[in-house]
Amino acid sequence: MTTPPQDGQHYPTQGSGPAGAQPPAGYQPPGYSDPASGAEPTSEPRRTGLIVGVALGVILLVGVLVAVLFATGAFDDDAEPGQTAPAATEPAEEEDTAPQQPHGAYPAAGTDEGGFILTAPDELAAGAAPEGPVHVVIYTDAGCPACGNFESAFHDQLEGWLAAGDIALEYRSMNWIRPPYSGDAANAFACMAEEAPEHYLDFLGSITAEQDGGFQLQKQGLAERAEQDYGVNITDCVDEDRYADFVAGAGEHGLAQGIAGTPTVIINGEEVPAAELGATDRHIEEAIAAQ
């Protein structure tokens, strides 16, 4: 179900997971036969021999089963309920179980909400926003045309307020609007924040602003832009989706907080109404004046 869009925002499409598989239907055991077969009974000696043969077969089968259970340690007193203790063998060499892609990595300056806090245009805070400056939080998405328009309109002003020490600016990049591009770009921004935090703001702003015209890059293009524009190599980080889990966590947190669309701007805990996003500069100036 897609939330109806409001002016100035774009909204994620929410889906549901696949239905669980149904258990298989019942079946009759192999070898089942109808006991009412109508077969004539055999003579007594033949029947007695058959019974003895079956009995010996059962005894032999039980013996084999007991031997197998002892060999596998099923009768080990130290075994936990529902488990089979391993046989006493030489320990195998430990296998390398590390994932092929290092998902789960956490950028040093990343917040628990999946954001990055700028205290200056070229400086990221490590942890919570500092007290004093107005705290501006922007939920953004690199695949969102409205976010591109927002960056084109306000990026320079945001940078100016940062340089003056009037605000602490926190970007939380979502992966909602145009998968996989939204997530790829958010991961690239996190890579830049980790490798060269002084370029994080400009990199995010320029890439997002280009979405205003529908422009988007593949992973290779994102890495190439970082190299060409800033001389920063984030190729491995981008190719590996190194911060994919961090990015996914940011999106989940946004939904949990009731963020319905991007961009969403929150100033000192108060959300700017979607219909007034075009006046974000006025809202920030009023908050600065009230400090």
Protein backbone atom coordinates (compact mmCIF):
# COMPACT_ATOMS: atom_id res chain seq x y z
CA MET A 1 0.00 0.00 0.00
CA THR A 2 1.42 3.40 -0.93
CA THR A 3 0.74 6.39 1.31
CA PRO A 4 -0.85 9.24 -0.71
CA PRO A 5 1.82 11.88 -1.30
CA GLN A 6 1.64 15.34 0.21
CA ASP A 7 3.17 18.47 -1.26
CA GLY A 8 6.93 18.52 -1.10
CA GLN A 9 7.52 14.92 0.02
CA HIS A 10 7.93 11.46 -1.47
CA TYR A 11 6.73 8.30 0.21
CA PRO A 12 8.05 4.71 0.44
CA THR A 13 6.07 1.76 -0.83
CA GLN A 14 5.42 -0.80 1.90
CA GLY A 15 5.14 -4.49 1.04
CA SER A 16 4.73 -7.74 2.87
CA GLY A 17 6.93 -10.77 3.12
CA PRO A 18 6.28 -14.02 1.28
CA ALA A 19 3.67 -16.36 2.69
CA GLY A 20 4.96 -19.38 4.59
CA ALA A 21 5.13 -22.71 2.84
CA GLN A 22 2.27 -25.10 3.58
CA PRO A 23 3.17 -28.39 5.19
CA PRO A 24 2.93 -31.46 2.93
CA ALA A 25 -0.25 -33.52 2.93
CA GLY A 26 -0.32 -36.80 4.84
CA TYR A 27 0.74 -40.00 3.22
CA GLN A 28 0.58 -43.73 3.85
CA PRO A 29 3.79 -45.41 4.98
CA PRO A 30 5.79 -47.18 2.26
CA GLY A 31 4.92 -50.83 1.96
CA TYR A 32 1.39 -50.38 3.25
CA SER A 33 -0.98 -53.13 2.15
CA ASP A 34 -4.56 -53.98 2.86
CA PRO A 35 -4.73 -56.60 5.62
CA ALA A 36 -8.00 -57.88 4.14
CA SER A 37 -6.14 -59.42 1.25
CA GLY A 38 -8.06 -62.67 1.25
CA ALA A 39 -4.84 -64.73 1.15
CA GLU A 40 -5.10 -68.35 2.32
CA PRO A 41 -3.33 -69.13 5.60
CA THR A 42 -0.10 -71.10 5.36
CA SER A 43 0.58 -74.41 7.06
CA GLU A 44 1.69 -74.41 10.72
CA PRO A 45 5.37 -75.43 10.16
CA ARG A 46 5.79 -72.73 7.55
CA ARG A 47 4.19 -70.20 9.85
CA THR A 48 6.42 -71.20 12.78
CA GLY A 49 9.54 -70.87 10.63
CA LEU A 50 8.42 -67.49 9.44
CA ILE A 51 7.87 -66.27 13.02
CA VAL A 52 11.30 -67.48 14.12
CA GLY A 53 12.93 -65.82 11.11
CA VAL A 54 11.21 -62.54 11.79
CA ALA A 55 12.16 -62.69 15.47
CA LEU A 56 15.83 -63.30 14.64
CA GLY A 57 15.71 -60.44 12.15
CA VAL A 58 14.28 -58.09 14.76
CA ILE A 59 16.95 -59.07 17.29
CA LEU A 60 19.69 -58.46 14.73
CA LEU A 61 18.21 -55.07 13.79
CA VAL A 62 18.00 -54.00 17.45
CA GLY A 63 21.62 -54.99 17.96
CA VAL A 64 22.75 -52.93 15.01
CA LEU A 65 20.69 -49.93 16.19
CA VAL A 66 22.16 -50.08 19.72
CA ALA A 67 25.67 -50.24 18.29
CA VAL A 68 25.00 -47.18 16.13
CA LEU A 69 23.57 -45.23 19.08
CA PHE A 70 26.63 -45.99 21.22
CA ALA A 71 28.95 -45.04 18.37
CA THR A 72 27.25 -41.65 17.92
CA GLY A 73 27.16 -40.98 21.66
CA ALA A 74 23.38 -40.95 21.95
CA PHE A 75 23.70 -42.57 25.39
CA ASP A 76 26.24 -40.01 26.59
CA ASP A 77 25.11 -38.75 30.01
CA ASP A 78 26.45 -35.27 29.17
CA ALA A 79 24.29 -34.86 26.09
CA GLU A 80 21.49 -32.30 26.35
CA PRO A 81 17.88 -33.26 25.72
CA GLY A 82 17.05 -33.31 22.05
CA GLN A 83 20.68 -33.41 20.99
CA THR A 84 23.06 -36.10 19.86
CA ALA A 85 26.53 -35.87 21.35
CA PRO A 86 29.27 -35.85 18.72
CA ALA A 87 31.49 -38.88 18.33
CA ALA A 88 34.95 -38.68 19.86
CA THR A 89 36.97 -37.67 16.83
CA GLU A 90 39.88 -35.37 16.18
CA PRO A 91 38.68 -31.74 16.09
CA ALA A 92 38.27 -30.46 12.57
CA GLU A 93 40.02 -27.32 11.46
CA GLU A 94 37.91 -24.23 12.09
CA GLU A 95 36.19 -23.05 8.95
CA ASP A 96 36.19 -19.43 7.91
CA THR A 97 32.55 -18.49 8.35
CA ALA A 98 32.99 -14.74 7.83
CA PRO A 99 30.44 -13.32 5.38
CA GLN A 100 31.64 -12.54 1.89
CA GLN A 101 30.34 -8.98 2.31
CA PRO A 102 31.03 -7.22 5.63
CA HIS A 103 27.45 -6.20 6.36
CA GLY A 104 26.94 -5.07 9.91
CA ALA A 105 29.87 -2.67 9.93
CA TYR A 106 29.10 0.55 11.80
CA PRO A 107 30.63 3.88 10.78
CA ALA A 108 32.52 5.53 13.62
CA ALA A 109 30.47 8.74 13.56
CA GLY A 110 27.11 7.07 12.87
CA THR A 111 24.33 7.64 15.38
CA ASP A 112 22.00 5.00 16.77
CA GLU A 113 19.28 6.48 14.57
CA GLY A 114 21.32 5.91 11.41
CA GLY A 115 22.41 9.53 10.97
CA PHE A 116 25.51 11.70 10.91
CA ILE A 117 25.72 14.94 12.90
CA LEU A 118 27.65 17.87 11.45
CA THR A 119 28.95 20.56 13.80
CA ALA A 120 30.72 22.38 10.95
CA PRO A 121 30.65 21.96 7.17
CA ASP A 122 33.74 19.75 7.37
CA GLU A 123 33.36 18.15 10.79
CA LEU A 124 31.23 15.29 12.12
CA ALA A 125 30.38 14.89 15.79
CA ALA A 126 31.06 11.58 17.47
CA GLY A 127 27.85 10.85 19.33
CA ALA A 128 24.94 13.09 20.25
CA ALA A 129 24.40 16.60 18.97
CA PRO A 130 26.16 19.24 21.09
CA GLU A 131 24.09 21.44 23.37
CA GLY A 132 23.70 25.03 22.34
CA PRO A 133 23.21 25.16 18.57
CA VAL A 134 19.80 24.49 17.06
CA HIS A 135 19.53 20.78 16.23
CA VAL A 136 18.21 20.30 12.70
CA VAL A 137 17.43 16.73 11.62
CA ILE A 138 16.74 16.02 7.95
CA TYR A 139 15.32 12.68 6.82
CA THR A 140 16.45 12.50 3.21
CA ASP A 141 16.64 10.01 0.35
CA ALA A 142 19.04 10.28 -2.59
CA GLY A 143 16.38 8.75 -4.84
CA CYS A 144 13.79 11.35 -3.91
CA PRO A 145 13.19 14.24 -6.37
CA ALA A 146 11.68 16.38 -3.60
CA CYS A 147 14.89 15.88 -1.59
CA GLY A 148 16.89 16.96 -4.63
CA ASN A 149 14.80 20.11 -4.85
CA PHE A 150 15.28 20.72 -1.12
CA GLU A 151 19.07 20.41 -1.37
CA SER A 152 19.17 22.71 -4.39
CA ALA A 153 17.18 25.32 -2.46
CA PHE A 154 18.75 25.15 1.00
CA HIS A 155 22.16 23.47 0.88
CA ASP A 156 24.16 26.71 0.84
CA GLN A 157 22.15 28.19 3.70
CA LEU A 158 22.56 25.06 5.79
CA GLU A 159 26.30 25.19 5.20
CA GLY A 160 26.36 28.85 6.22
CA TRP A 161 24.51 28.23 9.48
CA LEU A 162 26.90 25.38 10.22
CA ALA A 163 29.95 27.55 9.56
CA ALA A 164 28.56 30.20 11.92
CA GLY A 165 27.96 27.60 14.65
CA ASP A 166 24.22 28.36 14.71
CA ILE A 167 23.05 24.80 14.04
CA ALA A 168 24.08 21.18 14.41
CA LEU A 169 22.86 19.44 11.27
CA GLU A 170 21.98 15.75 11.24
CA TYR A 171 21.24 13.87 8.03
CA ARG A 172 19.48 10.52 8.22
CA SER A 173 19.58 8.90 4.77
CA MET A 174 16.66 6.60 3.96
CA ASN A 175 16.57 3.72 1.47
CA TRP A 176 12.89 4.04 0.59
CA ILE A 177 12.12 5.76 -2.68
CA ARG A 178 14.12 4.21 -5.52
CA PRO A 179 15.70 0.90 -4.53
CA PRO A 180 18.36 -0.15 -5.00
CA TYR A 181 19.71 3.32 -5.82
CA SER A 182 18.49 4.93 -2.58
CA GLY A 183 20.32 2.33 -0.49
CA ASP A 184 23.44 2.36 -2.68
CA ALA A 185 23.75 6.14 -2.38
CA ALA A 186 23.11 6.11 1.39
CA ASN A 187 25.84 3.49 1.75
CA ALA A 188 28.20 5.66 -0.34
CA PHE A 189 27.47 8.66 1.91
CA ALA A 190 28.33 6.53 4.95
CA CYS A 191 31.54 5.42 3.22
CA MET A 192 32.51 9.06 2.69
CA ALA A 193 31.65 9.91 6.31
CA GLU A 194 34.02 7.17 7.41
CA GLU A 195 36.85 7.77 4.95
CA ALA A 196 36.78 11.56 4.55
CA PRO A 197 34.22 13.23 6.85
CA GLU A 198 35.28 16.68 5.67
CA HIS A 199 33.62 15.91 2.31
CA TYR A 200 30.48 14.21 3.63
CA LEU A 201 28.19 17.27 3.48
CA ASP A 202 29.19 18.34 -0.02
CA PHE A 203 29.09 14.77 -1.39
CA LEU A 204 25.61 14.11 -0.01
CA GLY A 205 24.33 17.50 -1.10
CA SER A 206 25.62 17.36 -4.66
CA ILE A 207 24.51 13.76 -5.33
CA THR A 208 21.06 14.36 -3.83
CA ALA A 209 20.55 17.66 -5.65
CA GLU A 210 21.05 15.89 -8.98
CA GLN A 211 17.97 13.78 -8.27
CA ASP A 212 15.93 16.94 -8.79
CA GLY A 213 16.38 16.22 -12.50
CA GLY A 214 15.94 12.45 -12.18
CA PHE A 215 19.70 11.77 -12.35
CA GLN A 216 21.11 8.73 -10.55
CA LEU A 217 24.32 6.73 -10.55
CA GLN A 218 25.26 3.08 -10.36
CA LYS A 219 27.61 1.93 -7.58
CA GLN A 220 30.63 2.41 -9.82
CA GLY A 221 29.47 5.93 -10.67
CA LEU A 222 29.11 6.85 -7.00
CA ALA A 223 32.66 5.66 -6.29
CA GLU A 224 34.00 7.45 -9.35
CA ARG A 225 32.42 10.73 -8.27
CA ALA A 226 34.08 10.44 -4.86
CA GLU A 227 37.44 9.87 -6.56
CA GLN A 228 37.06 12.58 -9.22
CA ASP A 229 35.53 15.33 -7.07
CA TYR A 230 37.30 14.74 -3.75
CA GLY A 231 40.22 12.40 -4.40
CA VAL A 232 38.73 9.82 -1.99
CA ASN A 233 38.75 6.10 -2.78
CA ILE A 234 35.57 4.46 -1.47
CA THR A 235 35.36 1.82 -4.21
CA ASP A 236 35.71 -1.24 -1.96
CA CYS A 237 33.30 0.19 0.59
CA VAL A 238 30.68 0.85 -2.08
CA ASP A 239 31.15 -2.48 -3.90
CA GLU A 240 30.87 -4.42 -0.64
CA ASP A 241 27.76 -2.57 0.59
CA ARG A 242 29.80 -2.20 3.74
CA TYR A 243 27.19 -0.17 5.63
CA ALA A 244 24.09 -1.81 4.18
CA ASP A 245 22.84 -2.88 7.62
CA PHE A 246 23.46 0.61 9.02
CA VAL A 247 21.43 2.08 6.15
CA ALA A 248 18.63 -0.47 6.60
CA GLY A 249 18.55 0.35 10.31
CA ALA A 250 18.15 4.05 9.51
CA GLY A 251 15.11 3.31 7.35
CA GLU A 252 13.57 1.06 9.98
CA HIS A 253 14.11 3.69 12.66
CA GLY A 254 12.50 6.34 10.48
CA LEU A 255 9.38 4.24 10.00
CA ALA A 256 9.27 3.43 13.71
CA GLN A 257 9.36 7.17 14.45
CA GLY A 258 6.39 7.74 12.17
CA ILE A 259 8.35 9.46 9.41
CA ALA A 260 6.03 9.12 6.43
CA GLY A 261 7.94 10.84 3.64
CA THR A 262 11.13 12.58 2.58
CA PRO A 263 12.35 15.16 3.08
CA THR A 264 11.19 15.54 6.66
CA VAL A 265 12.76 18.33 8.71
CA ILE A 266 12.73 18.38 12.52
CA ILE A 267 14.03 21.46 14.36
CA ASN A 268 14.73 21.05 18.08
CA GLY A 269 12.26 18.17 18.16
CA GLU A 270 9.49 19.97 16.25
CA GLU A 271 8.61 18.76 12.75
CA VAL A 272 8.21 21.32 10.00
CA PRO A 273 4.77 20.72 8.41
CA ALA A 274 5.08 19.17 4.96
CA ALA A 275 3.18 22.08 3.45
CA GLU A 276 5.78 24.50 4.86
CA LEU A 277 8.98 22.76 3.75
CA GLY A 278 9.50 25.56 1.26
CA ALA A 279 9.85 27.89 4.25
CA THR A 280 12.38 25.73 6.10
CA ASP A 281 14.83 28.64 6.17
CA ARG A 282 12.31 30.79 8.04
CA HIS A 283 11.68 28.02 10.59
CA ILE A 284 15.42 27.61 11.21
CA GLU A 285 16.01 31.36 11.51
CA GLU A 286 13.19 31.62 14.06
CA ALA A 287 14.71 28.75 16.08
CA ILE A 288 18.14 30.41 15.99
CA ALA A 289 16.68 33.72 17.14
CA ALA A 290 14.89 31.99 20.03
CA GLN A 291 18.07 30.39 21.39
